[in-house]
Amino acid sequence: MAALKRARDQDLAVHPGQDIQYVVVDDEKTSREQVVLAQEEIESYDASYYETQLIRAIESVLSPLGWDRTDIQQELSGAREPELTDFQ
């Protein structure tokens, strides 16, 4: 919704069903300030927002194997305690 509002603020023609390419620059801000459209200059992005989205996606794939969000975060941070089965 934020990208749509930003596109309309810039008088860009937006049609129903059209994709709007954007980057989340600050998930803590409200509406229009959360995103930057792809055609705008992008100075930075909200890495923690994308990290959260990545972990959610990984969790949806690995949860049937018993992995949860905490396991994934520990593995990505390198803080996971090795188990005996890791050395087989």
Protein backbone atom coordinates (compact mmCIF):
# COMPACT_ATOMS: atom_id res chain seq x y z
CA MET A 1 0.00 0.00 0.00
CA ALA A 2 2.86 2.35 0.81
CA ALA A 3 4.35 1.91 -2.68
CA LEU A 4 0.98 2.59 -4.29
CA LYS A 5 0.56 5.80 -2.28
CA ARG A 6 4.10 6.88 -3.17
CA ALA A 7 3.48 6.20 -6.87
CA ARG A 8 0.27 8.22 -6.79
CA ASP A 9 2.07 11.09 -5.02
CA GLN A 10 4.49 11.16 -7.96
CA ASP A 11 1.59 11.16 -10.46
CA LEU A 12 2.64 7.80 -11.91
CA ALA A 13 -0.05 5.97 -13.83
CA VAL A 14 -1.01 2.90 -11.82
CA HIS A 15 -3.51 0.37 -13.13
CA PRO A 16 -5.35 -2.40 -11.22
CA GLY A 17 -3.21 -5.52 -11.06
CA GLN A 18 -0.03 -3.68 -12.04
CA ASP A 19 3.15 -4.54 -10.12
CA ILE A 20 4.99 -1.70 -8.42
CA GLN A 21 8.67 -2.34 -7.75
CA TYR A 22 9.96 -0.89 -4.50
CA VAL A 23 12.52 -1.31 -1.73
CA VAL A 24 11.70 -1.10 1.98
CA VAL A 25 14.01 1.57 3.40
CA ASP A 26 12.60 1.86 6.93
CA ASP A 27 9.90 -0.50 8.18
CA GLU A 28 9.46 1.62 11.33
CA LYS A 29 8.22 4.67 9.42
CA THR A 30 4.65 5.18 8.35
CA SER A 31 3.21 4.57 4.91
CA ARG A 32 4.94 6.49 2.11
CA GLU A 33 8.23 6.88 3.97
CA GLN A 34 8.63 3.11 4.41
CA VAL A 35 9.50 2.50 0.79
CA VAL A 36 11.35 3.94 -2.19
CA LEU A 37 10.20 3.13 -5.70
CA ALA A 38 12.62 1.28 -7.97
CA GLN A 39 13.00 4.27 -10.29
CA GLU A 40 14.00 6.54 -7.40
CA GLU A 41 17.53 6.81 -6.04
CA ILE A 42 17.97 4.20 -3.32
CA GLU A 43 20.61 5.17 -0.78
CA SER A 44 20.00 2.37 1.73
CA TYR A 45 17.51 -0.30 2.70
CA ASP A 46 16.10 -1.81 5.90
CA ALA A 47 18.32 -4.87 6.31
CA SER A 48 16.46 -6.11 9.41
CA TYR A 49 13.16 -6.10 7.48
CA TYR A 50 14.66 -8.26 4.74
CA GLU A 51 16.38 -10.51 7.29
CA THR A 52 13.01 -11.13 8.96
CA GLN A 53 11.41 -11.93 5.60
CA LEU A 54 14.24 -14.30 4.74
CA ILE A 55 13.98 -16.15 8.06
CA ARG A 56 10.21 -16.50 7.62
CA ALA A 57 10.74 -18.00 4.16
CA ILE A 58 13.41 -20.41 5.42
CA GLU A 59 11.18 -21.40 8.34
CA SER A 60 8.32 -22.29 5.99
CA VAL A 61 10.63 -24.71 4.16
CA LEU A 62 12.45 -26.19 7.17
CA SER A 63 9.65 -26.38 9.74
CA PRO A 64 8.59 -29.89 8.58
CA LEU A 65 12.14 -30.97 9.48
CA GLY A 66 11.78 -29.63 13.03
CA TRP A 67 13.54 -26.29 12.56
CA ASP A 68 11.97 -23.20 14.10
CA ARG A 69 12.79 -19.50 13.88
CA THR A 70 15.19 -19.67 16.84
CA ASP A 71 17.13 -22.57 15.31
CA ILE A 72 17.46 -20.71 12.02
CA GLN A 73 18.60 -17.47 13.66
CA GLN A 74 21.19 -19.35 15.72
CA GLU A 75 22.48 -21.19 12.65
CA LEU A 76 22.76 -17.95 10.66
CA SER A 77 24.56 -16.18 13.49
CA GLY A 78 26.96 -19.08 14.03
CA ALA A 79 25.87 -19.31 17.68
CA ARG A 80 24.34 -22.78 17.47
CA GLU A 81 25.73 -25.40 19.83
CA PRO A 82 27.19 -28.26 17.79
CA GLU A 83 25.63 -31.66 18.37
CA LEU A 84 27.38 -35.02 18.20
CA THR A 85 25.52 -35.86 14.98
CA ASP A 86 27.10 -32.79 13.30
CA PHE A 87 30.45 -34.63 13.20
CA GLN A 88 29.35 -37.80 11.42
